[in-house]
Amino acid sequence: MGFRGFFRLLILIIAAGCLYSVYAPETAEKWAPGAGAYARKLHDLLPGGARTGEVKTAAAAPEPPKGPPPALVSIAQAKRADYPLYLDSLGQAQAYNTVTVRTRVDGQVMKIAFDEGQMVKAGDLLAQIDPRPFQAALDQAKAKKSQDEANLANAKLDQQRYATLAKQSFATQQQLDTQNALVAQLTAAIAADAASIDAAQVQLDYTTVRAPITGRTGFRLVDEGNIVAASQQTGIVTIAQLQPIAVIFTAPEGEVTKINATLAAGAPPQVLARDSSGEKTLATGRLSVTDNQVDVATGTIRLKAEFANQDNALWPGLAVSTRLTIGDLKNAVVVPTEAVQHGPNGLFVYVIDDKNRAAMRPVTVTHQDTAQAVIDKGVNDGDRVVTVGQYVLQPGTPVAIDTAANSGS
């Protein structure tokens, strides 16, 4: 063997020793001093850095459990209850009564006796018109009556004289008849004077403008010192009755018979007035009247509800959402609305069986609101339905009940 062949053999021996030392570094150390350290460096570069003893240890570890962990869900129990039937709609609040206060006589406004936005009662003074011309007219009417009363008294005395003279043939019957007619004429004049006095008194009373209803005043439309006339359309102020207050809303024409039957039963159905989002209830009232005809253009009928409105939560012109109660669905199976899901084949819910596994159930929902849904088919009383966590479920998925979320149910 030459030098070149010896060198090649030496290289093969070293390479074999290095490969072996990866799995047995201690053995390689015996073959050649320093080989063990080199083998340990190669060992550390291998993926995982596992040695022979460590591989055996890992192989002996127990296998992890098979399958995914249970899905955490919240549940609710389907139950039987009376479900109130509602009609939701949009409406607008309006004053129960609205009056534009106008003057009924011509004259100068001497005094404005209210503040803008003030609550006034029926009979409270609002404004004072200059009463002097109307007081003079009243005094004139009274004087005319006094004059006519004096003339009547004298005419009656003459009537008595003519009657006596006519009996003695010292006066003709014509003179007596003329005097009788004069007495009757003056009597009628006095009656006319009394009517004139009443008319003048009414005109004088109109100079004091009082509130016709109890309500809240709006902006003042006339200032002190202005001349007003009974013929002008501009009023002095507008008064709106807010307690009670009305809400006008609509219902589908198909519900007219049921609504009228409920009203005829003697107990006006309840109406809730909520904010435009439908989340906050502003007031609770009662349906008072239905309109006398259906709007053929929209297929709806207008309804009016009355609210006490003691806290002024409703304001004229305010847009509200309404909920009219038209009856109850007795002994219905109800579940939380969030339990009902939409699928390609319709509505369904996930029901949890006694082994805590999820099962998909197609359901038929007859009524539904933001809180509850009435199930006609698919769920029975007492079934546990999933309300939170449906999106990670498949039929047969094991579940874990979120006890913290269901502690109150």
Protein backbone atom coordinates (compact mmCIF):
# COMPACT_ATOMS: atom_id res chain seq x y z
CA MET A 1 0.00 0.00 0.00
CA GLY A 2 1.45 3.36 -0.97
CA PHE A 3 1.27 6.64 0.90
CA ARG A 4 -1.76 7.83 -1.08
CA GLY A 5 -3.76 4.66 -0.28
CA PHE A 6 -2.83 4.87 3.40
CA PHE A 7 -3.99 8.49 3.58
CA ARG A 8 -7.36 7.63 1.96
CA LEU A 9 -7.94 4.79 4.45
CA LEU A 10 -7.16 7.12 7.33
CA ILE A 11 -9.75 9.64 6.08
CA LEU A 12 -12.47 6.94 5.89
CA ILE A 13 -11.71 5.74 9.42
CA ILE A 14 -11.94 9.29 10.83
CA ALA A 15 -15.22 9.98 9.00
CA ALA A 16 -16.78 6.75 10.28
CA GLY A 17 -15.67 7.56 13.77
CA CYS A 18 -17.22 11.03 13.60
CA LEU A 19 -20.59 9.71 12.42
CA TYR A 20 -20.61 7.11 15.13
CA SER A 21 -19.61 9.62 17.74
CA VAL A 22 -22.77 11.65 17.04
CA TYR A 23 -24.74 8.94 18.75
CA ALA A 24 -21.94 7.69 21.06
CA PRO A 25 -19.51 10.52 21.79
CA GLU A 26 -17.99 8.66 24.71
CA THR A 27 -17.00 5.77 22.42
CA ALA A 28 -15.38 8.14 19.94
CA GLU A 29 -13.29 9.59 22.74
CA LYS A 30 -11.78 6.17 23.29
CA TRP A 31 -10.80 5.88 19.60
CA ALA A 32 -8.94 9.12 19.45
CA PRO A 33 -8.23 11.88 21.97
CA GLY A 34 -10.27 15.00 21.07
CA ALA A 35 -12.75 13.14 18.86
CA GLY A 36 -15.41 13.20 21.58
CA ALA A 37 -15.38 17.03 21.75
CA TYR A 38 -15.71 17.25 17.97
CA ALA A 39 -18.55 14.73 18.06
CA ARG A 40 -20.39 16.75 20.71
CA LYS A 41 -20.22 19.83 18.48
CA LEU A 42 -21.78 17.87 15.62
CA HIS A 43 -24.37 16.49 18.03
CA ASP A 44 -25.43 20.00 19.10
CA LEU A 45 -25.95 21.02 15.47
CA LEU A 46 -28.51 18.24 14.85
CA PRO A 47 -32.26 19.24 14.92
CA GLY A 48 -33.55 18.98 18.48
CA GLY A 49 -30.07 18.17 19.82
CA ALA A 50 -31.36 14.84 21.09
CA ARG A 51 -28.88 12.23 22.26
CA THR A 52 -29.39 8.53 22.41
CA GLY A 53 -30.53 8.56 25.99
CA GLU A 54 -32.79 11.55 25.44
CA VAL A 55 -34.52 9.94 22.46
CA LYS A 56 -35.32 6.93 24.58
CA THR A 57 -36.73 9.22 27.28
CA ALA A 58 -38.96 11.09 24.80
CA ALA A 59 -40.24 7.85 23.34
CA ALA A 60 -41.28 6.73 26.78
CA ALA A 61 -43.45 9.89 27.47
CA PRO A 62 -47.28 9.41 27.44
CA GLU A 63 -49.14 10.41 24.26
CA PRO A 64 -51.29 13.60 24.34
CA PRO A 65 -55.09 13.17 24.30
CA LYS A 66 -56.61 12.77 20.86
CA GLY A 67 -59.23 15.24 19.42
CA PRO A 68 -59.87 18.98 19.99
CA PRO A 69 -60.67 20.36 23.45
CA PRO A 70 -64.36 21.01 24.31
CA ALA A 71 -65.77 24.31 23.02
CA LEU A 72 -66.74 26.83 25.71
CA VAL A 73 -70.36 27.95 25.24
CA SER A 74 -73.13 29.70 27.14
CA ILE A 75 -76.57 28.11 27.24
CA ALA A 76 -80.16 28.90 28.19
CA GLN A 77 -83.10 26.63 28.83
CA ALA A 78 -86.14 26.67 26.57
CA LYS A 79 -89.28 27.23 28.61
CA ARG A 80 -93.00 27.67 28.25
CA ALA A 81 -94.39 31.13 28.94
CA ASP A 82 -97.04 33.60 27.81
CA TYR A 83 -95.53 35.63 25.00
CA PRO A 84 -96.97 39.14 24.48
CA LEU A 85 -97.79 39.96 20.87
CA TYR A 86 -96.54 43.35 19.71
CA LEU A 87 -96.89 45.64 16.74
CA ASP A 88 -93.82 47.82 16.32
CA SER A 89 -94.09 51.03 14.37
CA LEU A 90 -92.82 54.59 14.08
CA GLY A 91 -94.73 57.60 15.35
CA GLN A 92 -94.54 61.22 16.32
CA ALA A 93 -95.51 62.94 19.53
CA GLN A 94 -97.89 65.86 19.34
CA ALA A 95 -99.53 68.12 21.88
CA TYR A 96 -102.85 66.78 23.12
CA ASN A 97 -104.33 70.24 22.45
CA THR A 98 -102.73 73.23 20.75
CA VAL A 99 -104.16 76.76 20.85
CA THR A 100 -102.89 79.88 19.12
CA VAL A 101 -104.03 82.73 21.36
CA ARG A 102 -105.26 85.71 19.33
CA THR A 103 -106.85 88.99 20.29
CA ARG A 104 -110.58 89.37 19.68
CA VAL A 105 -110.58 93.17 19.76
CA ASP A 106 -108.51 95.89 18.15
CA GLY A 107 -106.18 97.93 20.30
CA GLN A 108 -102.75 98.49 21.74
CA VAL A 109 -101.00 95.79 23.80
CA MET A 110 -100.46 97.40 27.19
CA LYS A 111 -98.99 94.39 29.02
CA ILE A 112 -97.55 90.92 28.33
CA ALA A 113 -98.07 88.85 31.49
CA PHE A 114 -96.26 85.58 30.65
CA ASP A 115 -92.72 84.37 30.06
CA GLU A 116 -91.74 82.36 27.02
CA GLY A 117 -91.77 78.64 27.83
CA GLN A 118 -93.84 79.14 30.98
CA MET A 119 -96.39 76.61 32.16
CA VAL A 120 -99.75 78.38 32.47
CA LYS A 121 -103.12 77.27 33.75
CA ALA A 122 -106.47 77.85 32.12
CA GLY A 123 -107.63 81.37 33.07
CA ASP A 124 -104.17 82.86 33.72
CA LEU A 125 -103.61 86.38 32.39
CA LEU A 126 -101.54 86.44 29.20
CA ALA A 127 -101.91 89.98 27.85
CA GLN A 128 -103.82 93.20 28.42
CA ILE A 129 -105.24 95.29 25.56
CA ASP A 130 -105.99 99.00 26.15
CA PRO A 131 -109.52 98.84 27.71
CA ARG A 132 -110.41 102.55 27.68
CA PRO A 133 -112.33 102.72 24.39
CA PHE A 134 -114.35 99.66 25.34
CA GLN A 135 -115.04 101.00 28.82
CA ALA A 136 -116.37 104.19 27.25
CA ALA A 137 -118.65 102.20 24.94
CA LEU A 138 -119.99 100.29 27.93
CA ASP A 139 -120.66 103.47 29.86
CA GLN A 140 -122.47 104.91 26.84
CA ALA A 141 -124.69 101.85 26.56
CA LYS A 142 -125.55 102.06 30.24
CA ALA A 143 -126.43 105.77 29.91
CA LYS A 144 -128.68 105.09 26.94
CA LYS A 145 -130.53 102.49 28.94
CA SER A 146 -131.03 104.90 31.82
CA GLN A 147 -132.40 107.49 29.39
CA ASP A 148 -134.84 105.03 27.88
CA GLU A 149 -135.93 103.84 31.32
CA ALA A 150 -136.79 107.46 32.28
CA ASN A 151 -138.76 107.96 29.07
CA LEU A 152 -140.59 104.70 29.69
CA ALA A 153 -141.58 105.77 33.18
CA ASN A 154 -143.03 109.04 31.85
CA ALA A 155 -144.78 107.22 29.01
CA LYS A 156 -146.44 104.86 31.46
CA LEU A 157 -147.79 107.81 33.48
CA ASP A 158 -149.23 109.30 30.31
CA GLN A 159 -150.69 105.92 29.46
CA GLN A 160 -152.54 105.86 32.79
CA ARG A 161 -153.87 109.38 32.22
CA TYR A 162 -155.09 108.60 28.71
CA ALA A 163 -156.78 105.46 29.98
CA THR A 164 -158.68 107.48 32.63
CA LEU A 165 -159.65 110.23 30.19
CA ALA A 166 -160.76 107.71 27.59
CA LYS A 167 -163.20 106.19 30.10
CA GLN A 168 -164.64 109.65 30.70
CA SER A 169 -164.72 110.41 26.95
CA PHE A 170 -162.22 113.27 27.37
CA ALA A 171 -159.63 111.43 25.23
CA THR A 172 -160.08 109.45 22.10
CA GLN A 173 -159.27 105.78 21.77
CA GLN A 174 -156.69 106.65 19.15
CA GLN A 175 -154.72 108.74 21.64
CA LEU A 176 -154.77 105.86 24.12
CA ASP A 177 -153.59 103.38 21.49
CA THR A 178 -150.76 105.69 20.46
CA GLN A 179 -149.62 106.00 24.04
CA ASN A 180 -149.75 102.21 24.50
CA ALA A 181 -147.54 101.79 21.44
CA LEU A 182 -145.05 104.34 22.82
CA VAL A 183 -144.78 102.40 26.08
CA ALA A 184 -144.16 99.17 24.20
CA GLN A 185 -141.58 100.91 22.00
CA LEU A 186 -139.66 102.26 24.98
CA THR A 187 -139.83 98.85 26.67
CA ALA A 188 -138.22 97.25 23.60
CA ALA A 189 -135.59 100.02 23.52
CA ILE A 190 -134.63 99.23 27.08
CA ALA A 191 -134.23 95.55 26.15
CA ALA A 192 -132.00 96.61 23.25
CA ASP A 193 -130.02 98.81 25.62
CA ALA A 194 -129.49 95.81 27.90
CA ALA A 195 -128.18 93.81 24.97
CA SER A 196 -125.87 96.66 24.00
CA ILE A 197 -124.54 96.75 27.53
CA ASP A 198 -123.84 93.01 27.40
CA ALA A 199 -122.05 93.37 24.06
CA ALA A 200 -119.96 96.25 25.33
CA GLN A 201 -119.11 94.27 28.44
CA VAL A 202 -117.96 91.33 26.32
CA GLN A 203 -115.75 93.59 24.22
CA LEU A 204 -114.30 95.04 27.38
CA ASP A 205 -113.65 91.55 28.75
CA TYR A 206 -111.86 90.62 25.51
CA THR A 207 -109.23 93.27 26.28
CA THR A 208 -108.00 90.90 29.03
CA VAL A 209 -106.47 87.93 27.20
CA ARG A 210 -106.44 84.77 29.31
CA ALA A 211 -105.10 81.24 28.75
CA PRO A 212 -107.85 79.01 27.31
CA ILE A 213 -106.10 75.74 28.32
CA THR A 214 -103.41 74.53 30.67
CA GLY A 215 -100.12 74.05 28.89
CA ARG A 216 -96.72 75.40 28.00
CA THR A 217 -96.31 78.69 26.18
CA GLY A 218 -94.06 79.01 23.16
CA PHE A 219 -92.26 82.03 21.76
CA ARG A 220 -93.92 85.41 22.27
CA LEU A 221 -95.32 86.57 18.92
CA VAL A 222 -96.28 90.14 19.90
CA ASP A 223 -94.42 92.60 22.10
CA GLU A 224 -95.85 95.27 24.36
CA GLY A 225 -96.81 98.50 22.62
CA ASN A 226 -97.86 96.90 19.32
CA ILE A 227 -101.29 97.47 17.81
CA VAL A 228 -103.22 94.23 17.31
CA ALA A 229 -106.43 93.55 15.44
CA ALA A 230 -108.99 90.80 15.63
CA SER A 231 -108.68 90.24 11.88
CA GLN A 232 -104.95 89.49 11.84
CA GLN A 233 -103.74 85.87 11.68
CA THR A 234 -100.67 86.36 13.87
CA GLY A 235 -101.45 85.42 17.43
CA ILE A 236 -99.98 86.52 20.72
CA VAL A 237 -98.60 83.11 21.74
CA THR A 238 -99.17 79.40 21.14
CA ILE A 239 -100.01 77.11 24.07
CA ALA A 240 -99.40 73.35 23.82
CA GLN A 241 -100.93 70.88 26.26
CA LEU A 242 -98.18 68.43 27.24
CA GLN A 243 -99.85 66.58 30.13
CA PRO A 244 -101.34 64.43 28.77
CA ILE A 245 -99.65 64.20 25.40
CA ALA A 246 -100.51 62.17 22.30
CA VAL A 247 -98.48 59.99 19.93
CA ILE A 248 -99.69 59.33 16.38
CA PHE A 249 -98.47 56.12 14.72
CA THR A 250 -99.63 53.56 12.18
CA ALA A 251 -100.46 49.86 12.04
CA PRO A 252 -100.96 47.46 9.10
CA GLU A 253 -104.51 47.31 7.78
CA GLY A 254 -104.59 43.56 8.47
CA GLU A 255 -104.49 44.26 12.20
CA VAL A 256 -107.46 46.66 12.24
CA THR A 257 -109.99 44.02 13.29
CA LYS A 258 -107.83 42.75 16.15
CA ILE A 259 -107.07 46.28 17.38
CA ASN A 260 -110.73 47.32 17.33
CA ALA A 261 -111.72 44.13 19.13
CA THR A 262 -109.16 44.86 21.83
CA LEU A 263 -110.48 48.40 22.25
CA ALA A 264 -114.08 47.18 22.37
CA ALA A 265 -113.18 44.74 25.16
CA GLY A 266 -112.95 47.71 27.52
CA ALA A 267 -109.24 47.55 28.38
CA PRO A 268 -107.25 49.91 26.12
CA PRO A 269 -104.10 48.10 24.93
CA GLN A 270 -100.75 49.27 26.25
CA VAL A 271 -98.44 51.34 24.07
CA LEU A 272 -94.75 51.89 24.72
CA ALA A 273 -93.05 55.00 23.36
CA ARG A 274 -89.32 54.49 22.91
CA ASP A 275 -86.50 56.55 21.47
CA SER A 276 -85.79 56.35 17.76
CA SER A 277 -83.26 53.54 18.30
CA GLY A 278 -85.87 51.47 20.15
CA GLU A 279 -83.51 50.79 23.06
CA LYS A 280 -84.86 53.15 25.75
CA THR A 281 -88.50 53.33 26.86
CA LEU A 282 -89.56 56.96 27.28
CA ALA A 283 -93.16 56.52 28.44
CA THR A 284 -95.97 54.01 28.83
CA GLY A 285 -99.49 54.87 27.72
CA ARG A 286 -102.73 53.50 26.33
CA LEU A 287 -104.27 53.39 22.88
CA SER A 288 -107.12 55.91 22.80
CA VAL A 289 -108.56 55.89 19.28
CA THR A 290 -108.18 54.48 15.78
CA ASP A 291 -108.75 56.57 12.69
CA ASN A 292 -112.07 56.19 10.87
CA GLN A 293 -110.52 54.97 7.61
CA VAL A 294 -107.54 53.08 6.22
CA ASP A 295 -105.01 54.96 4.10
CA VAL A 296 -105.37 53.16 0.75
CA ALA A 297 -102.03 54.55 -0.47
CA THR A 298 -99.99 52.94 2.30
CA GLY A 299 -102.30 50.15 3.50
CA THR A 300 -102.07 51.37 7.09
CA ILE A 301 -104.37 52.92 9.67
CA ARG A 302 -103.47 55.82 11.93
CA LEU A 303 -103.68 55.31 15.70
CA LYS A 304 -103.49 57.71 18.63
CA ALA A 305 -102.12 56.81 22.05
CA GLU A 306 -102.34 58.92 25.19
CA PHE A 307 -99.50 59.33 27.71
CA ALA A 308 -99.58 61.05 31.11
CA ASN A 309 -96.10 62.50 30.45
CA GLN A 310 -95.59 63.74 34.00
CA ASP A 311 -91.82 63.94 33.47
CA ASN A 312 -92.12 65.60 30.04
CA ALA A 313 -90.13 62.79 28.42
CA LEU A 314 -92.24 63.22 25.30
CA TRP A 315 -92.22 66.52 23.41
CA PRO A 316 -94.37 67.70 20.50
CA GLY A 317 -92.72 66.80 17.20
CA LEU A 318 -90.44 64.16 18.74
CA ALA A 319 -89.99 61.06 16.56
CA VAL A 320 -90.46 57.85 18.55
CA SER A 321 -90.76 54.13 17.95
CA THR A 322 -93.91 52.56 19.33
CA ARG A 323 -94.84 49.08 20.53
CA LEU A 324 -98.54 48.24 20.71
CA THR A 325 -99.59 45.17 22.72
CA ILE A 326 -102.41 43.34 20.92
CA GLY A 327 -102.63 40.15 22.99
CA ASP A 328 -100.74 37.18 24.42
CA LEU A 329 -99.62 33.86 22.95
CA LYS A 330 -100.41 31.43 25.75
CA ASN A 331 -98.01 28.66 26.89
CA ALA A 332 -95.54 29.08 24.04
CA VAL A 333 -92.01 27.63 23.90
CA VAL A 334 -89.60 30.57 24.03
CA VAL A 335 -85.81 30.81 23.78
CA PRO A 336 -83.45 33.79 23.80
CA THR A 337 -83.30 35.45 20.38
CA GLU A 338 -79.53 35.05 20.19
CA ALA A 339 -79.94 31.27 20.19
CA VAL A 340 -81.62 31.34 16.75
CA GLN A 341 -79.13 31.17 13.87
CA HIS A 342 -79.51 31.60 10.11
CA GLY A 343 -78.24 28.81 7.87
CA PRO A 344 -78.42 27.95 4.17
CA ASN A 345 -81.45 25.76 4.85
CA GLY A 346 -83.24 28.17 7.19
CA LEU A 347 -83.26 28.85 10.91
CA PHE A 348 -81.64 26.49 13.41
CA VAL A 349 -80.40 26.27 16.99
CA TYR A 350 -77.71 24.19 18.68
CA VAL A 351 -79.09 21.96 21.44
CA ILE A 352 -76.80 20.38 24.06
CA ASP A 353 -77.59 16.74 24.90
CA ASP A 354 -77.01 14.93 28.20
CA LYS A 355 -73.44 14.04 27.09
CA ASN A 356 -72.60 17.71 26.53
CA ARG A 357 -72.44 17.38 22.76
CA ALA A 358 -73.89 19.85 20.30
CA ALA A 359 -76.72 18.89 17.96
CA MET A 360 -78.11 21.12 15.22
CA ARG A 361 -81.90 21.45 15.20
CA PRO A 362 -83.86 23.20 12.43
CA VAL A 363 -86.61 25.34 13.97
CA THR A 364 -89.74 27.23 12.98
CA VAL A 365 -90.01 30.69 14.54
CA THR A 366 -93.48 32.27 14.65
CA HIS A 367 -92.70 35.46 16.60
CA GLN A 368 -89.47 37.16 17.53
CA ASP A 369 -88.24 40.38 19.17
CA THR A 370 -84.91 41.60 20.47
CA ALA A 371 -85.15 39.44 23.60
CA GLN A 372 -87.15 36.27 22.87
CA ALA A 373 -88.19 34.03 20.00
CA VAL A 374 -91.24 31.75 19.92
CA ILE A 375 -90.37 28.26 18.61
CA ASP A 376 -93.22 26.36 17.00
CA LYS A 377 -91.17 23.30 15.93
CA GLY A 378 -87.70 21.96 16.68
CA VAL A 379 -87.22 22.72 20.39
CA ASN A 380 -89.05 21.34 23.40
CA ASP A 381 -89.59 22.71 26.86
CA GLY A 382 -86.46 22.14 28.96
CA ASP A 383 -83.97 21.76 26.08
CA ARG A 384 -80.63 23.47 26.56
CA VAL A 385 -79.85 25.79 23.67
CA VAL A 386 -76.57 27.55 22.95
CA THR A 387 -76.70 31.34 23.17
CA VAL A 388 -72.98 32.19 22.85
CA GLY A 389 -70.30 30.24 20.97
CA GLN A 390 -72.31 28.78 18.09
CA TYR A 391 -69.73 29.77 15.49
CA VAL A 392 -67.17 27.18 16.68
CA LEU A 393 -69.67 24.32 16.83
CA GLN A 394 -70.37 21.45 14.49
CA PRO A 395 -72.87 18.62 15.03
CA GLY A 396 -71.34 16.33 17.65
CA THR A 397 -68.82 18.87 18.99
CA PRO A 398 -68.16 18.34 22.72
CA VAL A 399 -68.82 21.48 24.75
CA ALA A 400 -67.98 22.89 28.13
CA ILE A 401 -70.64 25.06 29.79
CA ASP A 402 -69.53 28.54 30.81
CA THR A 403 -70.83 28.37 34.38
CA ALA A 404 -69.96 32.01 35.09
CA ALA A 405 -72.17 33.21 32.22
CA ASN A 406 -74.99 30.83 33.17
CA SER A 407 -74.88 31.29 36.94
CA GLY A 408 -77.92 33.55 36.85
CA SER A 409 -80.05 31.33 34.59
